Amino acid sequence: VDLDECAQRELHYAIVDEVDSILIDEARTPLIISGPAEESSEL
């Protein structure tokens, strides 16, 4: 909620090791941050 709490700076330059694995094999892998919702259903 406050920009001062951000950890990262701008995304300037990156070298990806094992680039074919990360950028091709895992390219569509979603990173997800989630939280609890309602109680689980008996279904």
All heavy atoms as atom14 arrays in JSON, in Angstrom:
{
  "sequence": "VDLDECAQRELHYAIVDEVDSILIDEARTPLIISGPAEESSEL",
  "atom14_mask": [
    [1, 1, 1, 1, 1, 1, 1, 0, 0, 0, 0, 0, 0, 0],
    [1, 1, 1, 1, 1, 1, 1, 1, 0, 0, 0, 0, 0, 0],
    [1, 1, 1, 1, 1, 1, 1, 1, 0, 0, 0, 0, 0, 0],
    [1, 1, 1, 1, 1, 1, 1, 1, 0, 0, 0, 0, 0, 0],
    [1, 1, 1, 1, 1, 1, 1, 1, 1, 0, 0, 0, 0, 0],
    [1, 1, 1, 1, 1, 1, 0, 0, 0, 0, 0, 0, 0, 0],
    [1, 1, 1, 1, 1, 0, 0, 0, 0, 0, 0, 0, 0, 0],
    [1, 1, 1, 1, 1, 1, 1, 1, 1, 0, 0, 0, 0, 0],
    [1, 1, 1, 1, 1, 1, 1, 1, 1, 1, 1, 0, 0, 0],
    [1, 1, 1, 1, 1, 1, 1, 1, 1, 0, 0, 0, 0, 0],
    [1, 1, 1, 1, 1, 1, 1, 1, 0, 0, 0, 0, 0, 0],
    [1, 1, 1, 1, 1, 1, 1, 1, 1, 1, 0, 0, 0, 0],
    [1, 1, 1, 1, 1, 1, 1, 1, 1, 1, 1, 1, 0, 0],
    [1, 1, 1, 1, 1, 0, 0, 0, 0, 0, 0, 0, 0, 0],
    [1, 1, 1, 1, 1, 1, 1, 1, 0, 0, 0, 0, 0, 0],
    [1, 1, 1, 1, 1, 1, 1, 0, 0, 0, 0, 0, 0, 0],
    [1, 1, 1, 1, 1, 1, 1, 1, 0, 0, 0, 0, 0, 0],
    [1, 1, 1, 1, 1, 1, 1, 1, 1, 0, 0, 0, 0, 0],
    [1, 1, 1, 1, 1, 1, 1, 0, 0, 0, 0, 0, 0, 0],
    [1, 1, 1, 1, 1, 1, 1, 1, 0, 0, 0, 0, 0, 0],
    [1, 1, 1, 1, 1, 1, 0, 0, 0, 0, 0, 0, 0, 0],
    [1, 1, 1, 1, 1, 1, 1, 1, 0, 0, 0, 0, 0, 0],
    [1, 1, 1, 1, 1, 1, 1, 1, 0, 0, 0, 0, 0, 0],
    [1, 1, 1, 1, 1, 1, 1, 1, 0, 0, 0, 0, 0, 0],
    [1, 1, 1, 1, 1, 1, 1, 1, 0, 0, 0, 0, 0, 0],
    [1, 1, 1, 1, 1, 1, 1, 1, 1, 0, 0, 0, 0, 0],
    [1, 1, 1, 1, 1, 0, 0, 0, 0, 0, 0, 0, 0, 0],
    [1, 1, 1, 1, 1, 1, 1, 1, 1, 1, 1, 0, 0, 0],
    [1, 1, 1, 1, 1, 1, 1, 0, 0, 0, 0, 0, 0, 0],
    [1, 1, 1, 1, 1, 1, 1, 0, 0, 0, 0, 0, 0, 0],
    [1, 1, 1, 1, 1, 1, 1, 1, 0, 0, 0, 0, 0, 0],
    [1, 1, 1, 1, 1, 1, 1, 1, 0, 0, 0, 0, 0, 0],
    [1, 1, 1, 1, 1, 1, 1, 1, 0, 0, 0, 0, 0, 0],
    [1, 1, 1, 1, 1, 1, 0, 0, 0, 0, 0, 0, 0, 0],
    [1, 1, 1, 1, 0, 0, 0, 0, 0, 0, 0, 0, 0, 0],
    [1, 1, 1, 1, 1, 1, 1, 0, 0, 0, 0, 0, 0, 0],
    [1, 1, 1, 1, 1, 0, 0, 0, 0, 0, 0, 0, 0, 0],
    [1, 1, 1, 1, 1, 1, 1, 1, 1, 0, 0, 0, 0, 0],
    [1, 1, 1, 1, 1, 1, 1, 1, 1, 0, 0, 0, 0, 0],
    [1, 1, 1, 1, 1, 1, 0, 0, 0, 0, 0, 0, 0, 0],
    [1, 1, 1, 1, 1, 1, 0, 0, 0, 0, 0, 0, 0, 0],
    [1, 1, 1, 1, 1, 1, 1, 1, 1, 0, 0, 0, 0, 0],
    [1, 1, 1, 1, 1, 1, 1, 1, 0, 0, 0, 0, 0, 0]
  ],
  "atom14_positions": [
    [[0.83, -1.21, 0.0], [0.0, 0.0, 0.0], [0.86, 1.26, 0.0], [0.35, 2.36, -0.21], [-0.96, 0.02, 1.21], [-1.95, -1.13, 1.11], [-0.17, -0.08, 2.53], [0.0, 0.0, 0.0], [0.0, 0.0, 0.0], [0.0, 0.0, 0.0], [0.0, 0.0, 0.0], [0.0, 0.0, 0.0], [0.0, 0.0, 0.0], [0.0, 0.0, 0.0]],
    [[2.16, 1.11, 0.24], [3.09, 2.24, 0.27], [4.3, 1.88, -0.57], [4.92, 0.83, -0.37], [3.51, 2.53, 1.72], [4.33, 3.82, 1.83], [4.89, 4.25, 0.8], [4.41, 4.37, 2.94], [0.0, 0.0, 0.0], [0.0, 0.0, 0.0], [0.0, 0.0, 0.0], [0.0, 0.0, 0.0], [0.0, 0.0, 0.0], [0.0, 0.0, 0.0]],
    [[4.66, 2.73, -1.52], [5.79, 2.45, -2.41], [7.1, 2.27, -1.65], [8.02, 1.6, -2.13], [5.93, 3.57, -3.45], [4.82, 3.66, -4.5], [5.08, 4.84, -5.43], [4.74, 2.37, -5.3], [0.0, 0.0, 0.0], [0.0, 0.0, 0.0], [0.0, 0.0, 0.0], [0.0, 0.0, 0.0], [0.0, 0.0, 0.0], [0.0, 0.0, 0.0]],
    [[7.2, 2.87, -0.47], [8.42, 2.71, 0.32], [8.6, 1.28, 0.81], [9.68, 0.9, 1.27], [8.4, 3.67, 1.51], [8.54, 5.12, 1.09], [9.09, 5.35, -0.01], [8.1, 6.01, 1.83], [0.0, 0.0, 0.0], [0.0, 0.0, 0.0], [0.0, 0.0, 0.0], [0.0, 0.0, 0.0], [0.0, 0.0, 0.0], [0.0, 0.0, 0.0]],
    [[7.53, 0.47, 0.73], [7.61, -0.91, 1.17], [8.08, -1.85, 0.06], [8.31, -3.03, 0.3], [6.24, -1.38, 1.68], [5.73, -0.59, 2.89], [4.33, -1.03, 3.29], [3.88, -2.09, 2.81], [3.69, -0.3, 4.06], [0.0, 0.0, 0.0], [0.0, 0.0, 0.0], [0.0, 0.0, 0.0], [0.0, 0.0, 0.0], [0.0, 0.0, 0.0]],
    [[8.22, -1.34, -1.16], [8.68, -2.17, -2.27], [10.13, -2.6, -2.05], [10.96, -1.79, -1.61], [8.56, -1.43, -3.6], [6.86, -1.17, -4.16], [0.0, 0.0, 0.0], [0.0, 0.0, 0.0], [0.0, 0.0, 0.0], [0.0, 0.0, 0.0], [0.0, 0.0, 0.0], [0.0, 0.0, 0.0], [0.0, 0.0, 0.0], [0.0, 0.0, 0.0]],
    [[10.44, -3.84, -2.38], [11.8, -4.34, -2.23], [12.6, -4.15, -3.51], [13.74, -3.67, -3.47], [11.77, -5.83, -1.86], [0.0, 0.0, 0.0], [0.0, 0.0, 0.0], [0.0, 0.0, 0.0], [0.0, 0.0, 0.0], [0.0, 0.0, 0.0], [0.0, 0.0, 0.0], [0.0, 0.0, 0.0], [0.0, 0.0, 0.0], [0.0, 0.0, 0.0]],
    [[12.01, -4.5, -4.66], [12.75, -4.44, -5.91], [12.9, -3.02, -6.43], [12.06, -2.16, -6.18], [12.06, -5.29, -6.98], [12.17, -6.78, -6.76], [11.56, -7.56, -7.92], [10.79, -7.05, -8.72], [11.9, -8.85, -7.99], [0.0, 0.0, 0.0], [0.0, 0.0, 0.0], [0.0, 0.0, 0.0], [0.0, 0.0, 0.0], [0.0, 0.0, 0.0]],
    [[14.0, -2.83, -7.18], [14.14, -1.61, -7.98], [13.62, -1.92, -9.38], [12.98, -2.95, -9.61], [15.61, -1.19, -8.03], [16.16, -0.76, -6.69], [17.52, -0.12, -6.85], [18.59, -1.11, -7.06], [19.84, -0.78, -7.35], [20.18, 0.5, -7.48], [20.76, -1.72, -7.49], [0.0, 0.0, 0.0], [0.0, 0.0, 0.0], [0.0, 0.0, 0.0]],
    [[13.9, -1.05, -10.33], [13.5, -1.31, -11.69], [14.17, -2.58, -12.2], [15.24, -2.96, -11.75], [13.88, -0.13, -12.59], [15.36, 0.21, -12.54], [15.66, 1.54, -13.2], [15.44, 1.65, -14.41], [16.11, 2.46, -12.49], [0.0, 0.0, 0.0], [0.0, 0.0, 0.0], [0.0, 0.0, 0.0], [0.0, 0.0, 0.0], [0.0, 0.0, 0.0]],
    [[13.52, -3.24, -13.13], [14.07, -4.46, -13.73], [14.99, -4.05, -14.87], [14.56, -3.9, -16.01], [12.93, -5.36, -14.2], [11.94, -5.77, -13.1], [10.8, -6.59, -13.68], [12.65, -6.52, -11.98], [0.0, 0.0, 0.0], [0.0, 0.0, 0.0], [0.0, 0.0, 0.0], [0.0, 0.0, 0.0], [0.0, 0.0, 0.0], [0.0, 0.0, 0.0]],
    [[16.27, -3.9, -14.54], [17.24, -3.3, -15.47], [17.91, -4.34, -16.36], [17.81, -4.28, -17.59], [18.28, -2.53, -14.66], [19.45, -2.04, -15.45], [19.3, -1.26, -16.58], [20.79, -2.23, -15.28], [20.5, -0.97, -17.06], [21.42, -1.55, -16.31], [0.0, 0.0, 0.0], [0.0, 0.0, 0.0], [0.0, 0.0, 0.0], [0.0, 0.0, 0.0]],
    [[18.61, -5.31, -15.76], [19.39, -6.27, -16.53], [19.4, -7.6, -15.8], [19.58, -7.64, -14.57], [20.82, -5.77, -16.72], [21.76, -6.76, -17.39], [21.6, -7.09, -18.73], [22.79, -7.35, -16.67], [22.46, -7.99, -19.35], [23.67, -8.25, -17.28], [23.48, -8.57, -18.62], [24.33, -9.47, -19.23], [0.0, 0.0, 0.0], [0.0, 0.0, 0.0]],
    [[19.21, -8.68, -16.53], [19.23, -10.01, -15.91], [19.89, -11.02, -16.84], [19.69, -10.98, -18.06], [17.81, -10.48, -15.58], [0.0, 0.0, 0.0], [0.0, 0.0, 0.0], [0.0, 0.0, 0.0], [0.0, 0.0, 0.0], [0.0, 0.0, 0.0], [0.0, 0.0, 0.0], [0.0, 0.0, 0.0], [0.0, 0.0, 0.0], [0.0, 0.0, 0.0]],
    [[20.66, -11.9, -16.24], [21.19, -13.07, -16.93], [20.47, -14.29, -16.35], [20.47, -14.49, -15.13], [22.71, -13.23, -16.72], [23.46, -12.01, -17.24], [23.21, -14.5, -17.41], [24.95, -12.03, -16.91], [0.0, 0.0, 0.0], [0.0, 0.0, 0.0], [0.0, 0.0, 0.0], [0.0, 0.0, 0.0], [0.0, 0.0, 0.0], [0.0, 0.0, 0.0]],
    [[19.85, -15.08, -17.2], [19.12, -16.26, -16.76], [19.97, -17.5, -17.02], [20.27, -17.81, -18.18], [17.76, -16.37, -17.48], [17.0, -17.6, -16.98], [16.93, -15.11, -17.27], [0.0, 0.0, 0.0], [0.0, 0.0, 0.0], [0.0, 0.0, 0.0], [0.0, 0.0, 0.0], [0.0, 0.0, 0.0], [0.0, 0.0, 0.0], [0.0, 0.0, 0.0]],
    [[20.37, -18.18, -15.96], [21.11, -19.43, -16.1], [20.11, -20.55, -16.42], [18.97, -20.52, -15.97], [21.86, -19.73, -14.81], [22.85, -20.87, -14.96], [23.18, -21.22, -16.12], [23.3, -21.41, -13.94], [0.0, 0.0, 0.0], [0.0, 0.0, 0.0], [0.0, 0.0, 0.0], [0.0, 0.0, 0.0], [0.0, 0.0, 0.0], [0.0, 0.0, 0.0]],
    [[20.58, -21.55, -17.18], [19.68, -22.61, -17.68], [18.47, -21.96, -18.34], [17.31, -22.26, -18.03], [19.26, -23.54, -16.55], [20.41, -24.2, -15.82], [21.28, -25.09, -16.72], [20.81, -25.46, -17.81], [22.42, -25.37, -16.34], [0.0, 0.0, 0.0], [0.0, 0.0, 0.0], [0.0, 0.0, 0.0], [0.0, 0.0, 0.0], [0.0, 0.0, 0.0]],
    [[18.74, -21.06, -19.27], [17.7, -20.21, -19.85], [16.63, -21.0, -20.57], [15.45, -20.63, -20.55], [18.35, -19.15, -20.79], [19.02, -19.82, -21.97], [17.33, -18.14, -21.25], [0.0, 0.0, 0.0], [0.0, 0.0, 0.0], [0.0, 0.0, 0.0], [0.0, 0.0, 0.0], [0.0, 0.0, 0.0], [0.0, 0.0, 0.0], [0.0, 0.0, 0.0]],
    [[17.0, -22.11, -21.21], [15.99, -22.89, -21.92], [15.01, -23.53, -20.95], [13.82, -23.65, -21.26], [16.64, -23.94, -22.81], [17.71, -24.75, -22.09], [18.18, -24.31, -21.02], [18.08, -25.82, -22.59], [0.0, 0.0, 0.0], [0.0, 0.0, 0.0], [0.0, 0.0, 0.0], [0.0, 0.0, 0.0], [0.0, 0.0, 0.0], [0.0, 0.0, 0.0]],
    [[15.48, -23.92, -19.78], [14.58, -24.51, -18.79], [13.62, -23.47, -18.22], [12.41, -23.69, -18.15], [15.4, -25.14, -17.66], [14.56, -25.58, -16.61], [0.0, 0.0, 0.0], [0.0, 0.0, 0.0], [0.0, 0.0, 0.0], [0.0, 0.0, 0.0], [0.0, 0.0, 0.0], [0.0, 0.0, 0.0], [0.0, 0.0, 0.0], [0.0, 0.0, 0.0]],
    [[14.16, -22.3, -17.84], [13.34, -21.29, -17.18], [12.42, -20.55, -18.16], [11.23, -20.34, -17.89], [14.23, -20.3, -16.41], [14.92, -21.02, -15.23], [13.43, -19.11, -15.9], [15.92, -20.17, -14.48], [0.0, 0.0, 0.0], [0.0, 0.0, 0.0], [0.0, 0.0, 0.0], [0.0, 0.0, 0.0], [0.0, 0.0, 0.0], [0.0, 0.0, 0.0]],
    [[12.97, -20.14, -19.3], [12.19, -19.32, -20.23], [11.39, -20.11, -21.26], [10.52, -19.55, -21.92], [13.11, -18.34, -20.96], [13.81, -17.29, -20.1], [14.49, -16.26, -20.98], [12.84, -16.61, -19.14], [0.0, 0.0, 0.0], [0.0, 0.0, 0.0], [0.0, 0.0, 0.0], [0.0, 0.0, 0.0], [0.0, 0.0, 0.0], [0.0, 0.0, 0.0]],
    [[11.67, -21.4, -21.41], [10.92, -22.21, -22.36], [10.1, -23.28, -21.62], [8.88, -23.28, -21.67], [11.85, -22.88, -23.4], [12.62, -21.82, -24.18], [11.03, -23.75, -24.35], [11.77, -20.87, -24.99], [0.0, 0.0, 0.0], [0.0, 0.0, 0.0], [0.0, 0.0, 0.0], [0.0, 0.0, 0.0], [0.0, 0.0, 0.0], [0.0, 0.0, 0.0]],
    [[10.78, -24.18, -20.9], [10.07, -25.28, -20.23], [9.11, -24.78, -19.16], [8.0, -25.3, -19.01], [11.07, -26.26, -19.6], [11.97, -26.9, -20.64], [11.6, -26.89, -21.83], [13.05, -27.4, -20.28], [0.0, 0.0, 0.0], [0.0, 0.0, 0.0], [0.0, 0.0, 0.0], [0.0, 0.0, 0.0], [0.0, 0.0, 0.0], [0.0, 0.0, 0.0]],
    [[9.53, -23.77, -18.4], [8.7, -23.27, -17.3], [8.01, -21.94, -17.64], [7.45, -21.3, -16.75], [9.55, -23.06, -16.04], [10.23, -24.31, -15.52], [10.97, -24.05, -14.22], [10.36, -23.52, -13.28], [12.17, -24.39, -14.15], [0.0, 0.0, 0.0], [0.0, 0.0, 0.0], [0.0, 0.0, 0.0], [0.0, 0.0, 0.0], [0.0, 0.0, 0.0]],
    [[8.05, -21.56, -18.9], [7.58, -20.22, -19.29], [6.16, -19.94, -18.83], [5.85, -18.83, -18.37], [7.69, -20.05, -20.8], [0.0, 0.0, 0.0], [0.0, 0.0, 0.0], [0.0, 0.0, 0.0], [0.0, 0.0, 0.0], [0.0, 0.0, 0.0], [0.0, 0.0, 0.0], [0.0, 0.0, 0.0], [0.0, 0.0, 0.0], [0.0, 0.0, 0.0]],
    [[5.27, -20.9, -18.96], [3.86, -20.68, -18.63], [3.53, -21.03, -17.19], [2.36, -20.97, -16.81], [2.98, -21.49, -19.58], [3.14, -21.11, -21.06], [2.73, -19.68, -21.31], [2.86, -19.29, -22.69], [1.93, -19.43, -23.62], [0.77, -19.98, -23.29], [2.13, -19.03, -24.85], [0.0, 0.0, 0.0], [0.0, 0.0, 0.0], [0.0, 0.0, 0.0]],
    [[4.54, -21.41, -16.42], [4.28, -21.74, -15.02], [3.84, -20.48, -14.27], [4.57, -19.49, -14.25], [5.54, -22.31, -14.35], [5.95, -23.48, -15.05], [5.28, -22.65, -12.89], [0.0, 0.0, 0.0], [0.0, 0.0, 0.0], [0.0, 0.0, 0.0], [0.0, 0.0, 0.0], [0.0, 0.0, 0.0], [0.0, 0.0, 0.0], [0.0, 0.0, 0.0]],
    [[2.66, -20.5, -13.67], [2.21, -19.29, -12.96], [2.74, -19.21, -11.54], [2.81, -20.21, -10.83], [0.67, -19.46, -12.96], [0.48, -20.94, -12.93], [1.63, -21.56, -13.68], [0.0, 0.0, 0.0], [0.0, 0.0, 0.0], [0.0, 0.0, 0.0], [0.0, 0.0, 0.0], [0.0, 0.0, 0.0], [0.0, 0.0, 0.0], [0.0, 0.0, 0.0]],
    [[3.17, -18.02, -11.16], [3.48, -17.73, -9.77], [2.22, -17.13, -9.16], [1.66, -16.18, -9.71], [4.65, -16.76, -9.67], [5.97, -17.24, -10.26], [6.99, -16.11, -10.24], [6.5, -18.44, -9.5], [0.0, 0.0, 0.0], [0.0, 0.0, 0.0], [0.0, 0.0, 0.0], [0.0, 0.0, 0.0], [0.0, 0.0, 0.0], [0.0, 0.0, 0.0]],
    [[1.78, -17.66, -8.05], [0.5, -17.24, -7.48], [0.67, -16.92, -6.0], [1.24, -17.71, -5.25], [-0.57, -18.35, -7.65], [-0.79, -18.65, -9.14], [-1.88, -17.93, -6.99], [-1.66, -19.86, -9.38], [0.0, 0.0, 0.0], [0.0, 0.0, 0.0], [0.0, 0.0, 0.0], [0.0, 0.0, 0.0], [0.0, 0.0, 0.0], [0.0, 0.0, 0.0]],
    [[0.18, -15.77, -5.58], [0.06, -15.43, -4.17], [-1.42, -15.45, -3.83], [-2.23, -14.76, -4.47], [0.66, -14.05, -3.86], [2.19, -14.09, -4.05], [0.32, -13.63, -2.43], [2.86, -12.77, -3.76], [0.0, 0.0, 0.0], [0.0, 0.0, 0.0], [0.0, 0.0, 0.0], [0.0, 0.0, 0.0], [0.0, 0.0, 0.0], [0.0, 0.0, 0.0]],
    [[-1.76, -16.25, -2.86], [-3.18, -16.41, -2.53], [-3.38, -16.32, -1.03], [-2.43, -16.37, -0.24], [-3.7, -17.76, -3.05], [-2.94, -18.82, -2.5], [0.0, 0.0, 0.0], [0.0, 0.0, 0.0], [0.0, 0.0, 0.0], [0.0, 0.0, 0.0], [0.0, 0.0, 0.0], [0.0, 0.0, 0.0], [0.0, 0.0, 0.0], [0.0, 0.0, 0.0]],
    [[-4.63, -16.18, -0.64], [-4.99, -16.11, 0.77], [-6.24, -16.93, 1.01], [-6.91, -17.35, 0.06], [0.0, 0.0, 0.0], [0.0, 0.0, 0.0], [0.0, 0.0, 0.0], [0.0, 0.0, 0.0], [0.0, 0.0, 0.0], [0.0, 0.0, 0.0], [0.0, 0.0, 0.0], [0.0, 0.0, 0.0], [0.0, 0.0, 0.0], [0.0, 0.0, 0.0]],
    [[-6.59, -17.18, 2.27], [-7.76, -18.02, 2.57], [-9.06, -17.34, 2.2], [-9.22, -16.14, 2.32], [-7.65, -18.23, 4.09], [-6.89, -17.04, 4.57], [-5.93, -16.7, 3.48], [0.0, 0.0, 0.0], [0.0, 0.0, 0.0], [0.0, 0.0, 0.0], [0.0, 0.0, 0.0], [0.0, 0.0, 0.0], [0.0, 0.0, 0.0], [0.0, 0.0, 0.0]],
    [[-9.99, -18.16, 1.71], [-11.34, -17.66, 1.4], [-12.32, -18.33, 2.34], [-12.03, -18.5, 3.53], [-11.66, -17.95, -0.06], [0.0, 0.0, 0.0], [0.0, 0.0, 0.0], [0.0, 0.0, 0.0], [0.0, 0.0, 0.0], [0.0, 0.0, 0.0], [0.0, 0.0, 0.0], [0.0, 0.0, 0.0], [0.0, 0.0, 0.0], [0.0, 0.0, 0.0]],
    [[-13.46, -18.77, 1.81], [-14.47, -19.36, 2.68], [-14.07, -20.78, 3.1], [-13.12, -21.34, 2.58], [-15.83, -19.39, 1.97], [-15.86, -20.34, 0.77], [-15.38, -19.67, -0.49], [-14.91, -18.52, -0.41], [-15.45, -20.3, -1.56], [0.0, 0.0, 0.0], [0.0, 0.0, 0.0], [0.0, 0.0, 0.0], [0.0, 0.0, 0.0], [0.0, 0.0, 0.0]],
    [[-14.81, -21.33, 4.07], [-14.54, -22.69, 4.52], [-14.74, -23.67, 3.36], [-15.57, -23.46, 2.48], [-15.49, -23.06, 5.67], [-15.25, -22.29, 6.96], [-13.91, -22.67, 7.59], [-13.41, -23.77, 7.31], [-13.37, -21.84, 8.35], [0.0, 0.0, 0.0], [0.0, 0.0, 0.0], [0.0, 0.0, 0.0], [0.0, 0.0, 0.0], [0.0, 0.0, 0.0]],
    [[-13.94, -24.73, 3.36], [-14.01, -25.71, 2.28], [-15.34, -26.45, 2.31], [-15.89, -26.75, 3.37], [-12.86, -26.7, 2.39], [-11.63, -26.05, 2.18], [0.0, 0.0, 0.0], [0.0, 0.0, 0.0], [0.0, 0.0, 0.0], [0.0, 0.0, 0.0], [0.0, 0.0, 0.0], [0.0, 0.0, 0.0], [0.0, 0.0, 0.0], [0.0, 0.0, 0.0]],
    [[-15.83, -26.77, 1.12], [-17.11, -27.45, 1.0], [-16.95, -28.95, 1.2], [-15.93, -29.54, 0.87], [-17.69, -27.18, -0.39], [-18.82, -28.0, -0.63], [0.0, 0.0, 0.0], [0.0, 0.0, 0.0], [0.0, 0.0, 0.0], [0.0, 0.0, 0.0], [0.0, 0.0, 0.0], [0.0, 0.0, 0.0], [0.0, 0.0, 0.0], [0.0, 0.0, 0.0]],
    [[-18.01, -29.58, 1.74], [-18.01, -31.04, 1.9], [-18.09, -31.74, 0.55], [-17.89, -32.95, 0.46], [-19.2, -31.45, 2.78], [-18.94, -31.32, 4.26], [-17.75, -32.16, 4.72], [-17.64, -33.35, 4.3], [-16.9, -31.63, 5.45], [0.0, 0.0, 0.0], [0.0, 0.0, 0.0], [0.0, 0.0, 0.0], [0.0, 0.0, 0.0], [0.0, 0.0, 0.0]],
    [[-18.38, -30.97, -0.51], [-18.44, -31.58, -1.84], [-17.08, -32.15, -2.27], [-17.03, -33.05, -3.11], [-18.93, -30.56, -2.87], [-20.41, -30.17, -2.78], [-20.74, -29.06, -3.77], [-21.28, -31.39, -3.06], [0.0, 0.0, 0.0], [0.0, 0.0, 0.0], [0.0, 0.0, 0.0], [0.0, 0.0, 0.0], [0.0, 0.0, 0.0], [0.0, 0.0, 0.0]]
  ]
}
